[in-house]
């Protein structure tokens, strides 16, 4: 069963930006919204750990797969061009993607 937030992609769909891990992804995500100081401590306490947040994506990984920060190449029907997110990369090619932010 495919999660509604994780989708199959190819290199035609996303541009890979930088190799990452769940903790670095969290730091990047917070930086995109203005940093830790822009989020109240009450909200920060409610945010799940990066591993919990990315669980369905991480569960799709096979040995040798990598996580990469990425951005969309294509127009998304209910979004803007250039959404940012995280991708699973297998053998140098993106295979799964989760959008984090539309800009």
PDB file of N, CA and C in Angstrom:
ATOM      1  N   UNK A   1       0.845  -1.187   0.000  1.00  0.00           N
ATOM      2  CA  UNK A   1       0.000   0.000   0.000  1.00  0.00           C
ATOM      3  C   UNK A   1       0.881   1.238   0.000  1.00  0.00           C
ATOM      4  N   UNK A   2       0.613   2.188  -0.869  1.00  0.00           N
ATOM      5  CA  UNK A   2       1.402   3.402  -0.981  1.00  0.00           C
ATOM      6  C   UNK A   2       0.820   4.486  -0.092  1.00  0.00           C
ATOM      7  N   UNK A   3       1.679   5.094   0.706  1.00  0.00           N
ATOM      8  CA  UNK A   3       1.251   6.221   1.520  1.00  0.00           C
ATOM      9  C   UNK A   3       0.962   7.403   0.610  1.00  0.00           C
ATOM     10  N   UNK A   4      -0.046   8.182   0.946  1.00  0.00           N
ATOM     11  CA  UNK A   4      -0.419   9.329   0.141  1.00  0.00           C
ATOM     12  C   UNK A   4       0.689  10.388   0.115  1.00  0.00           C
ATOM     13  N   UNK A   5       1.582  10.363   1.086  1.00  0.00           N
ATOM     14  CA  UNK A   5       2.625  11.383   1.115  1.00  0.00           C
ATOM     15  C   UNK A   5       3.928  10.935   0.476  1.00  0.00           C
ATOM     16  N   UNK A   6       4.099   9.673   0.230  1.00  0.00           N
ATOM     17  CA  UNK A   6       5.282   9.146  -0.447  1.00  0.00           C
ATOM     18  C   UNK A   6       4.861   8.731  -1.849  1.00  0.00           C
ATOM     19  N   UNK A   7       5.649   9.138  -2.836  1.00  0.00           N
ATOM     20  CA  UNK A   7       5.285   8.744  -4.194  1.00  0.00           C
ATOM     21  C   UNK A   7       6.499   8.267  -4.968  1.00  0.00           C
ATOM     22  N   UNK A   8       6.255   7.384  -5.909  1.00  0.00           N
ATOM     23  CA  UNK A   8       7.288   6.861  -6.787  1.00  0.00           C
ATOM     24  C   UNK A   8       7.717   7.976  -7.734  1.00  0.00           C
ATOM     25  N   UNK A   9       9.035   8.104  -7.936  1.00  0.00           N
ATOM     26  CA  UNK A   9       9.565   9.121  -8.835  1.00  0.00           C
ATOM     27  C   UNK A   9      10.719   8.557  -9.657  1.00  0.00           C
ATOM     28  N   UNK A  10      11.128   9.341 -10.658  1.00  0.00           N
ATOM     29  CA  UNK A  10      12.332   9.072 -11.433  1.00  0.00           C
ATOM     30  C   UNK A  10      13.142  10.368 -11.473  1.00  0.00           C
ATOM     31  N   UNK A  11      14.281  10.312 -12.117  1.00  0.00           N
ATOM     32  CA  UNK A  11      15.091  11.529 -12.245  1.00  0.00           C
ATOM     33  C   UNK A  11      14.410  12.562 -13.135  1.00  0.00           C
ATOM     34  N   UNK A  12      13.388  12.189 -13.872  1.00  0.00           N
ATOM     35  CA  UNK A  12      12.595  13.160 -14.637  1.00  0.00           C
ATOM     36  C   UNK A  12      11.695  13.987 -13.721  1.00  0.00           C
ATOM     37  N   UNK A  13      11.428  13.485 -12.515  1.00  0.00           N
ATOM     38  CA  UNK A  13      10.511  14.145 -11.592  1.00  0.00           C
ATOM     39  C   UNK A  13      11.198  15.057 -10.581  1.00  0.00           C
ATOM     40  N   UNK A  14      12.398  14.671 -10.120  1.00  0.00           N
ATOM     41  CA  UNK A  14      13.063  15.428  -9.062  1.00  0.00           C
ATOM     42  C   UNK A  14      14.532  15.678  -9.388  1.00  0.00           C
ATOM     43  N   UNK A  15      15.043  16.775  -8.822  1.00  0.00           N
ATOM     44  CA  UNK A  15      16.460  17.124  -8.882  1.00  0.00           C
ATOM     45  C   UNK A  15      17.041  16.826  -7.513  1.00  0.00           C
ATOM     46  N   UNK A  16      18.110  16.052  -7.470  1.00  0.00           N
ATOM     47  CA  UNK A  16      18.762  15.745  -6.202  1.00  0.00           C
ATOM     48  C   UNK A  16      19.669  16.903  -5.824  1.00  0.00           C
ATOM     49  N   UNK A  17      19.574  17.349  -4.559  1.00  0.00           N
ATOM     50  CA  UNK A  17      20.329  18.505  -4.095  1.00  0.00           C
ATOM     51  C   UNK A  17      21.534  18.136  -3.244  1.00  0.00           C
ATOM     52  N   UNK A  18      21.329  17.274  -2.265  1.00  0.00           N
ATOM     53  CA  UNK A  18      22.389  16.967  -1.311  1.00  0.00           C
ATOM     54  C   UNK A  18      22.049  15.695  -0.545  1.00  0.00           C
ATOM     55  N   UNK A  19      23.050  14.852  -0.340  1.00  0.00           N
ATOM     56  CA  UNK A  19      22.851  13.642   0.463  1.00  0.00           C
ATOM     57  C   UNK A  19      22.527  14.066   1.896  1.00  0.00           C
ATOM     58  N   UNK A  20      21.669  13.289   2.570  1.00  0.00           N
ATOM     59  CA  UNK A  20      21.218  13.677   3.906  1.00  0.00           C
ATOM     60  C   UNK A  20      20.969  12.455   4.772  1.00  0.00           C
ATOM     61  N   UNK A  21      20.544  12.710   5.986  1.00  0.00           N
ATOM     62  CA  UNK A  21      20.067  11.691   6.917  1.00  0.00           C
ATOM     63  C   UNK A  21      18.878  12.310   7.645  1.00  0.00           C
ATOM     64  N   UNK A  22      18.136  11.542   8.433  1.00  0.00           N
ATOM     65  CA  UNK A  22      16.939  12.112   9.072  1.00  0.00           C
ATOM     66  C   UNK A  22      17.219  13.365   9.924  1.00  0.00           C
ATOM     67  N   UNK A  23      18.314  13.384  10.681  1.00  0.00           N
ATOM     68  CA  UNK A  23      18.608  14.555  11.521  1.00  0.00           C
ATOM     69  C   UNK A  23      18.935  15.785  10.673  1.00  0.00           C
ATOM     70  N   UNK A  24      19.753  15.616   9.641  1.00  0.00           N
ATOM     71  CA  UNK A  24      20.092  16.746   8.771  1.00  0.00           C
ATOM     72  C   UNK A  24      18.856  17.218   8.005  1.00  0.00           C
ATOM     73  N   UNK A  25      17.997  16.279   7.620  1.00  0.00           N
ATOM     74  CA  UNK A  25      16.729  16.641   6.969  1.00  0.00           C
ATOM     75  C   UNK A  25      15.902  17.530   7.889  1.00  0.00           C
ATOM     76  N   UNK A  26      15.817  17.167   9.171  1.00  0.00           N
ATOM     77  CA  UNK A  26      15.043  17.972  10.140  1.00  0.00           C
ATOM     78  C   UNK A  26      15.610  19.382  10.239  1.00  0.00           C
ATOM     79  N   UNK A  27      16.933  19.495  10.325  1.00  0.00           N
ATOM     80  CA  UNK A  27      17.566  20.814  10.403  1.00  0.00           C
ATOM     81  C   UNK A  27      17.266  21.638   9.161  1.00  0.00           C
ATOM     82  N   UNK A  28      17.327  21.007   7.993  1.00  0.00           N
ATOM     83  CA  UNK A  28      17.027  21.674   6.724  1.00  0.00           C
ATOM     84  C   UNK A  28      15.571  22.134   6.703  1.00  0.00           C
ATOM     85  N   UNK A  29      14.676  21.256   7.132  1.00  0.00           N
ATOM     86  CA  UNK A  29      13.248  21.585   7.145  1.00  0.00           C
ATOM     87  C   UNK A  29      12.974  22.780   8.052  1.00  0.00           C
ATOM     88  N   UNK A  30      13.562  22.791   9.233  1.00  0.00           N
ATOM     89  CA  UNK A  30      13.372  23.921  10.149  1.00  0.00           C
ATOM     90  C   UNK A  30      13.973  25.197   9.580  1.00  0.00           C
ATOM     91  N   UNK A  31      15.114  25.093   8.915  1.00  0.00           N
ATOM     92  CA  UNK A  31      15.734  26.272   8.306  1.00  0.00           C
ATOM     93  C   UNK A  31      14.841  26.856   7.219  1.00  0.00           C
ATOM     94  N   UNK A  32      14.138  26.010   6.475  1.00  0.00           N
ATOM     95  CA  UNK A  32      13.253  26.487   5.410  1.00  0.00           C
ATOM     96  C   UNK A  32      12.097  27.330   5.945  1.00  0.00           C
ATOM     97  N   UNK A  33      11.710  27.080   7.194  1.00  0.00           N
ATOM     98  CA  UNK A  33      10.596  27.857   7.761  1.00  0.00           C
ATOM     99  C   UNK A  33      11.091  28.942   8.717  1.00  0.00           C
ATOM    100  N   UNK A  34      12.384  29.232   8.665  1.00  0.00           N
ATOM    101  CA  UNK A  34      12.901  30.332   9.461  1.00  0.00           C
ATOM    102  C   UNK A  34      13.726  29.927  10.662  1.00  0.00           C
ATOM    103  N   UNK A  35      14.009  28.655  10.825  1.00  0.00           N
ATOM    104  CA  UNK A  35      14.839  28.198  11.930  1.00  0.00           C
ATOM    105  C   UNK A  35      14.040  27.850  13.166  1.00  0.00           C
ATOM    106  N   UNK A  36      14.730  27.254  14.137  1.00  0.00           N
ATOM    107  CA  UNK A  36      14.094  26.810  15.378  1.00  0.00           C
ATOM    108  C   UNK A  36      13.430  27.975  16.094  1.00  0.00           C
ATOM    109  N   UNK A  37      14.046  29.158  16.036  1.00  0.00           N
ATOM    110  CA  UNK A  37      13.496  30.327  16.722  1.00  0.00           C
ATOM    111  C   UNK A  37      12.150  30.785  16.195  1.00  0.00           C
ATOM    112  N   UNK A  38      11.785  30.350  14.989  1.00  0.00           N
ATOM    113  CA  UNK A  38      10.501  30.760  14.417  1.00  0.00           C
ATOM    114  C   UNK A  38       9.351  29.846  14.831  1.00  0.00           C
ATOM    115  N   UNK A  39       9.670  28.783  15.568  1.00  0.00           N
ATOM    116  CA  UNK A  39       8.656  27.813  15.993  1.00  0.00           C
ATOM    117  C   UNK A  39       8.595  27.813  17.518  1.00  0.00           C
ATOM    118  N   UNK A  40       7.391  27.894  18.055  1.00  0.00           N
ATOM    119  CA  UNK A  40       7.247  27.916  19.513  1.00  0.00           C
ATOM    120  C   UNK A  40       7.693  26.585  20.117  1.00  0.00           C
ATOM    121  N   UNK A  41       8.124  26.647  21.369  1.00  0.00           N
ATOM    122  CA  UNK A  41       8.583  25.427  22.051  1.00  0.00           C
ATOM    123  C   UNK A  41       7.444  24.416  22.175  1.00  0.00           C
ATOM    124  N   UNK A  42       6.203  24.895  22.305  1.00  0.00           N
ATOM    125  CA  UNK A  42       5.064  23.988  22.390  1.00  0.00           C
ATOM    126  C   UNK A  42       4.902  23.185  21.098  1.00  0.00           C
ATOM    127  N   UNK A  43       5.092  23.855  19.978  1.00  0.00           N
ATOM    128  CA  UNK A  43       4.981  23.164  18.689  1.00  0.00           C
ATOM    129  C   UNK A  43       6.161  22.218  18.507  1.00  0.00           C
ATOM    130  N   UNK A  44       7.367  22.670  18.852  1.00  0.00           N
ATOM    131  CA  UNK A  44       8.545  21.806  18.722  1.00  0.00           C
ATOM    132  C   UNK A  44       8.388  20.524  19.517  1.00  0.00           C
ATOM    133  N   UNK A  45       7.782  20.611  20.691  1.00  0.00           N
ATOM    134  CA  UNK A  45       7.579  19.432  21.527  1.00  0.00           C
ATOM    135  C   UNK A  45       6.609  18.433  20.896  1.00  0.00           C
ATOM    136  N   UNK A  46       5.724  18.921  20.039  1.00  0.00           N
ATOM    137  CA  UNK A  46       4.725  18.054  19.413  1.00  0.00           C
ATOM    138  C   UNK A  46       5.216  17.413  18.112  1.00  0.00           C
ATOM    139  N   UNK A  47       6.311  17.921  17.581  1.00  0.00           N
ATOM    140  CA  UNK A  47       6.842  17.381  16.333  1.00  0.00           C
ATOM    141  C   UNK A  47       7.495  16.034  16.623  1.00  0.00           C
ATOM    142  N   UNK A  48       7.124  15.001  15.873  1.00  0.00           N
ATOM    143  CA  UNK A  48       7.744  13.686  16.098  1.00  0.00           C
ATOM    144  C   UNK A  48       9.228  13.726  15.726  1.00  0.00           C
ATOM    145  N   UNK A  49       9.972  12.744  16.182  1.00  0.00           N
ATOM    146  CA  UNK A  49      11.386  12.651  15.807  1.00  0.00           C
ATOM    147  C   UNK A  49      11.474  12.533  14.290  1.00  0.00           C
ATOM    148  N   UNK A  50      12.627  12.901  13.710  1.00  0.00           N
ATOM    149  CA  UNK A  50      12.754  12.763  12.251  1.00  0.00           C
ATOM    150  C   UNK A  50      12.530  11.326  11.777  1.00  0.00           C
ATOM    151  N   UNK A  51      13.012  10.361  12.552  1.00  0.00           N
ATOM    152  CA  UNK A  51      12.824   8.958  12.170  1.00  0.00           C
ATOM    153  C   UNK A  51      11.351   8.560  12.186  1.00  0.00           C
ATOM    154  N   UNK A  52      10.605   9.082  13.152  1.00  0.00           N
ATOM    155  CA  UNK A  52       9.171   8.798  13.212  1.00  0.00           C
ATOM    156  C   UNK A  52       8.435   9.511  12.082  1.00  0.00           C
ATOM    157  N   UNK A  53       8.798  10.761  11.834  1.00  0.00           N
ATOM    158  CA  UNK A  53       8.178  11.532  10.764  1.00  0.00           C
ATOM    159  C   UNK A  53       8.391  10.872   9.401  1.00  0.00           C
ATOM    160  N   UNK A  54       9.573  10.321   9.184  1.00  0.00           N
ATOM    161  CA  UNK A  54       9.933   9.726   7.895  1.00  0.00           C
ATOM    162  C   UNK A  54       9.738   8.212   7.845  1.00  0.00           C
ATOM    163  N   UNK A  55       9.071   7.649   8.846  1.00  0.00           N
ATOM    164  CA  UNK A  55       8.973   6.196   8.993  1.00  0.00           C
ATOM    165  C   UNK A  55       8.534   5.486   7.709  1.00  0.00           C
ATOM    166  N   UNK A  56       7.459   5.933   7.075  1.00  0.00           N
ATOM    167  CA  UNK A  56       6.988   5.219   5.880  1.00  0.00           C
ATOM    168  C   UNK A  56       8.000   5.303   4.753  1.00  0.00           C
ATOM    169  N   UNK A  57       8.712   6.410   4.670  1.00  0.00           N
ATOM    170  CA  UNK A  57       9.745   6.545   3.649  1.00  0.00           C
ATOM    171  C   UNK A  57      10.947   5.662   3.996  1.00  0.00           C
ATOM    172  N   UNK A  58      11.398   5.724   5.239  1.00  0.00           N
ATOM    173  CA  UNK A  58      12.539   4.920   5.668  1.00  0.00           C
ATOM    174  C   UNK A  58      12.254   3.428   5.531  1.00  0.00           C
ATOM    175  N   UNK A  59      11.014   3.015   5.754  1.00  0.00           N
ATOM    176  CA  UNK A  59      10.644   1.605   5.617  1.00  0.00           C
ATOM    177  C   UNK A  59      10.774   1.102   4.178  1.00  0.00           C
ATOM    178  N   UNK A  60      10.799   2.004   3.216  1.00  0.00           N
ATOM    179  CA  UNK A  60      10.922   1.630   1.805  1.00  0.00           C
ATOM    180  C   UNK A  60      12.384   1.435   1.389  1.00  0.00           C
ATOM    181  N   UNK A  61      13.322   1.821   2.250  1.00  0.00           N
ATOM    182  CA  UNK A  61      14.736   1.750   1.890  1.00  0.00           C
ATOM    183  C   UNK A  61      15.255   0.317   1.895  1.00  0.00           C
ATOM    184  N   UNK A  62      16.121   0.038   0.941  1.00  0.00           N
ATOM    185  CA  UNK A  62      16.821  -1.235   0.847  1.00  0.00           C
ATOM    186  C   UNK A  62      18.290  -0.997   1.188  1.00  0.00           C
ATOM    187  N   UNK A  63      19.030  -2.046   1.528  1.00  0.00           N
ATOM    188  CA  UNK A  63      20.461  -1.869   1.794  1.00  0.00           C
ATOM    189  C   UNK A  63      21.138  -1.163   0.610  1.00  0.00           C
ATOM    190  N   UNK A  64      21.938  -0.169   0.910  1.00  0.00           N
ATOM    191  CA  UNK A  64      22.636   0.598  -0.124  1.00  0.00           C
ATOM    192  C   UNK A  64      21.902   1.844  -0.574  1.00  0.00           C
ATOM    193  N   UNK A  65      20.617   1.991  -0.232  1.00  0.00           N
ATOM    194  CA  UNK A  65      19.872   3.195  -0.591  1.00  0.00           C
ATOM    195  C   UNK A  65      20.395   4.389   0.204  1.00  0.00           C
ATOM    196  N   UNK A  66      20.173   5.575  -0.337  1.00  0.00           N
ATOM    197  CA  UNK A  66      20.567   6.825   0.316  1.00  0.00           C
ATOM    198  C   UNK A  66      19.380   7.768   0.379  1.00  0.00           C
ATOM    199  N   UNK A  67      19.425   8.693   1.333  1.00  0.00           N
ATOM    200  CA  UNK A  67      18.446   9.774   1.412  1.00  0.00           C
ATOM    201  C   UNK A  67      19.081  11.034   0.837  1.00  0.00           C
ATOM    202  N   UNK A  68      18.317  11.756   0.032  1.00  0.00           N
ATOM    203  CA  UNK A  68      18.790  13.001  -0.563  1.00  0.00           C
ATOM    204  C   UNK A  68      17.723  14.080  -0.409  1.00  0.00           C
ATOM    205  N   UNK A  69      18.157  15.293  -0.107  1.00  0.00           N
ATOM    206  CA  UNK A  69      17.284  16.449  -0.209  1.00  0.00           C
ATOM    207  C   UNK A  69      17.050  16.644  -1.700  1.00  0.00           C
ATOM    208  N   UNK A  70      15.840  17.044  -2.057  1.00  0.00           N
ATOM    209  CA  UNK A  70      15.501  17.130  -3.476  1.00  0.00           C
ATOM    210  C   UNK A  70      14.456  18.216  -3.697  1.00  0.00           C
ATOM    211  N   UNK A  71      14.259  18.547  -4.969  1.00  0.00           N
ATOM    212  CA  UNK A  71      13.164  19.449  -5.338  1.00  0.00           C
ATOM    213  C   UNK A  71      12.502  18.906  -6.593  1.00  0.00           C
ATOM    214  N   UNK A  72      11.239  19.217  -6.715  1.00  0.00           N
ATOM    215  CA  UNK A  72      10.455  18.725  -7.837  1.00  0.00           C
ATOM    216  C   UNK A  72      10.825  19.453  -9.121  1.00  0.00           C
ATOM    217  N   UNK A  73      10.832  18.721 -10.238  1.00  0.00           N
ATOM    218  CA  UNK A  73      11.044  19.312 -11.566  1.00  0.00           C
ATOM    219  C   UNK A  73       9.707  19.658 -12.231  1.00  0.00           C
ATOM    220  N   UNK A  74       8.647  19.018 -11.811  1.00  0.00           N
ATOM    221  CA  UNK A  74       7.390  19.079 -12.561  1.00  0.00           C
ATOM    222  C   UNK A  74       6.305  19.817 -11.788  1.00  0.00           C
ATOM    223  N   UNK A  75       5.331  20.308 -12.533  1.00  0.00           N
ATOM    224  CA  UNK A  75       4.168  20.949 -11.937  1.00  0.00           C
ATOM    225  C   UNK A  75       3.324  19.889 -11.234  1.00  0.00           C
ATOM    226  N   UNK A  76       2.916  20.198 -10.034  1.00  0.00           N
ATOM    227  CA  UNK A  76       2.054  19.291  -9.276  1.00  0.00           C
ATOM    228  C   UNK A  76       0.644  19.879  -9.309  1.00  0.00           C
ATOM    229  N   UNK A  77      -0.366  19.084  -9.548  1.00  0.00           N
ATOM    230  CA  UNK A  77      -1.724  19.622  -9.740  1.00  0.00           C
ATOM    231  C   UNK A  77      -2.210  20.580  -8.659  1.00  0.00           C
ATOM    232  N   UNK A  78      -1.911  20.327  -7.415  1.00  0.00           N
ATOM    233  CA  UNK A  78      -2.392  21.214  -6.356  1.00  0.00           C
ATOM    234  C   UNK A  78      -1.238  21.924  -5.659  1.00  0.00           C
ATOM    235  N   UNK A  79      -0.164  22.141  -6.376  1.00  0.00           N
ATOM    236  CA  UNK A  79       1.014  22.747  -5.774  1.00  0.00           C
ATOM    237  C   UNK A  79       1.696  23.662  -6.788  1.00  0.00           C
ATOM    238  N   UNK A  80       2.736  24.298  -6.324  1.00  0.00           N
ATOM    239  CA  UNK A  80       3.531  25.138  -7.200  1.00  0.00           C
ATOM    240  C   UNK A  80       4.745  24.370  -7.707  1.00  0.00           C
ATOM    241  N   UNK A  81       5.317  24.861  -8.787  1.00  0.00           N
ATOM    242  CA  UNK A  81       6.548  24.257  -9.302  1.00  0.00           C
ATOM    243  C   UNK A  81       7.649  24.469  -8.268  1.00  0.00           C
ATOM    244  N   UNK A  82       8.489  23.484  -8.076  1.00  0.00           N
ATOM    245  CA  UNK A  82       9.646  23.639  -7.215  1.00  0.00           C
ATOM    246  C   UNK A  82       9.438  23.233  -5.783  1.00  0.00           C
ATOM    247  N   UNK A  83       8.514  22.329  -5.496  1.00  0.00           N
ATOM    248  CA  UNK A  83       8.355  21.880  -4.125  1.00  0.00           C
ATOM    249  C   UNK A  83       9.631  21.183  -3.677  1.00  0.00           C
ATOM    250  N   UNK A  84       9.953  21.324  -2.399  1.00  0.00           N
ATOM    251  CA  UNK A  84      11.162  20.716  -1.839  1.00  0.00           C
ATOM    252  C   UNK A  84      10.781  19.530  -0.985  1.00  0.00           C
ATOM    253  N   UNK A  85      11.674  18.552  -0.913  1.00  0.00           N
ATOM    254  CA  UNK A  85      11.383  17.364  -0.142  1.00  0.00           C
ATOM    255  C   UNK A  85      12.596  16.489   0.021  1.00  0.00           C
ATOM    256  N   UNK A  86      12.324  15.210   0.240  1.00  0.00           N
ATOM    257  CA  UNK A  86      13.370  14.231   0.480  1.00  0.00           C
ATOM    258  C   UNK A  86      13.101  13.010  -0.391  1.00  0.00           C
ATOM    259  N   UNK A  87      14.174  12.438  -0.911  1.00  0.00           N
ATOM    260  CA  UNK A  87      14.041  11.306  -1.826  1.00  0.00           C
ATOM    261  C   UNK A  87      14.902  10.132  -1.365  1.00  0.00           C
ATOM    262  N   UNK A  88      14.422   8.946  -1.659  1.00  0.00           N
ATOM    263  CA  UNK A  88      15.253   7.750  -1.543  1.00  0.00           C
ATOM    264  C   UNK A  88      15.917   7.576  -2.896  1.00  0.00           C
ATOM    265  N   UNK A  89      17.239   7.396  -2.864  1.00  0.00           N
ATOM    266  CA  UNK A  89      18.013   7.201  -4.085  1.00  0.00           C
ATOM    267  C   UNK A  89      18.587   5.784  -4.066  1.00  0.00           C
ATOM    268  N   UNK A  90      18.321   5.084  -5.137  1.00  0.00           N
ATOM    269  CA  UNK A  90      18.775   3.687  -5.271  1.00  0.00           C
ATOM    270  C   UNK A  90      19.612   3.586  -6.539  1.00  0.00           C
ATOM    271  N   UNK A  91      20.836   3.129  -6.401  1.00  0.00           N
ATOM    272  CA  UNK A  91      21.732   2.999  -7.557  1.00  0.00           C
ATOM    273  C   UNK A  91      21.851   4.313  -8.332  1.00  0.00           C
ATOM    274  N   UNK A  92      21.903   5.429  -7.598  1.00  0.00           N
ATOM    275  CA  UNK A  92      22.079   6.738  -8.217  1.00  0.00           C
ATOM    276  C   UNK A  92      20.823   7.376  -8.772  1.00  0.00           C
ATOM    277  N   UNK A  93      19.681   6.714  -8.652  1.00  0.00           N
ATOM    278  CA  UNK A  93      18.426   7.236  -9.203  1.00  0.00           C
ATOM    279  C   UNK A  93      17.375   7.401  -8.108  1.00  0.00           C
ATOM    280  N   UNK A  94      16.657   8.531  -8.098  1.00  0.00           N
ATOM    281  CA  UNK A  94      15.579   8.681  -7.122  1.00  0.00           C
ATOM    282  C   UNK A  94      14.456   7.692  -7.415  1.00  0.00           C
ATOM    283  N   UNK A  95      13.915   7.084  -6.344  1.00  0.00           N
ATOM    284  CA  UNK A  95      12.844   6.100  -6.530  1.00  0.00           C
ATOM    285  C   UNK A  95      11.593   6.430  -5.723  1.00  0.00           C
ATOM    286  N   UNK A  96      11.745   7.114  -4.589  1.00  0.00           N
ATOM    287  CA  UNK A  96      10.616   7.542  -3.762  1.00  0.00           C
ATOM    288  C   UNK A  96      10.860   8.984  -3.350  1.00  0.00           C
ATOM    289  N   UNK A  97       9.769   9.747  -3.179  1.00  0.00           N
ATOM    290  CA  UNK A  97       9.886  11.169  -2.851  1.00  0.00           C
ATOM    291  C   UNK A  97       8.762  11.577  -1.914  1.00  0.00           C
ATOM    292  N   UNK A  98       9.110  12.437  -0.987  1.00  0.00           N
ATOM    293  CA  UNK A  98       8.111  13.035  -0.097  1.00  0.00           C
ATOM    294  C   UNK A  98       8.283  14.546  -0.136  1.00  0.00           C
ATOM    295  N   UNK A  99       7.223  15.257  -0.470  1.00  0.00           N
ATOM    296  CA  UNK A  99       7.247  16.714  -0.495  1.00  0.00           C
ATOM    297  C   UNK A  99       7.228  17.243   0.927  1.00  0.00           C
ATOM    298  N   UNK A 100       8.074  18.213   1.196  1.00  0.00           N
ATOM    299  CA  UNK A 100       8.101  18.888   2.484  1.00  0.00           C
ATOM    300  C   UNK A 100       7.451  20.249   2.384  1.00  0.00           C
ATOM    301  N   UNK A 101       7.798  21.004   1.352  1.00  0.00           N
ATOM    302  CA  UNK A 101       7.400  22.402   1.278  1.00  0.00           C
ATOM    303  C   UNK A 101       7.114  22.814  -0.157  1.00  0.00           C
ATOM    304  N   UNK A 102       6.046  23.528  -0.354  1.00  0.00           N
ATOM    305  CA  UNK A 102       5.743  24.127  -1.658  1.00  0.00           C
ATOM    306  C   UNK A 102       6.149  25.580  -1.584  1.00  0.00           C
ATOM    307  N   UNK A 103       6.796  26.068  -2.628  1.00  0.00           N
ATOM    308  CA  UNK A 103       7.192  27.477  -2.628  1.00  0.00           C
ATOM    309  C   UNK A 103       6.884  28.121  -3.956  1.00  0.00           C
TER     310      UNK A 103
END
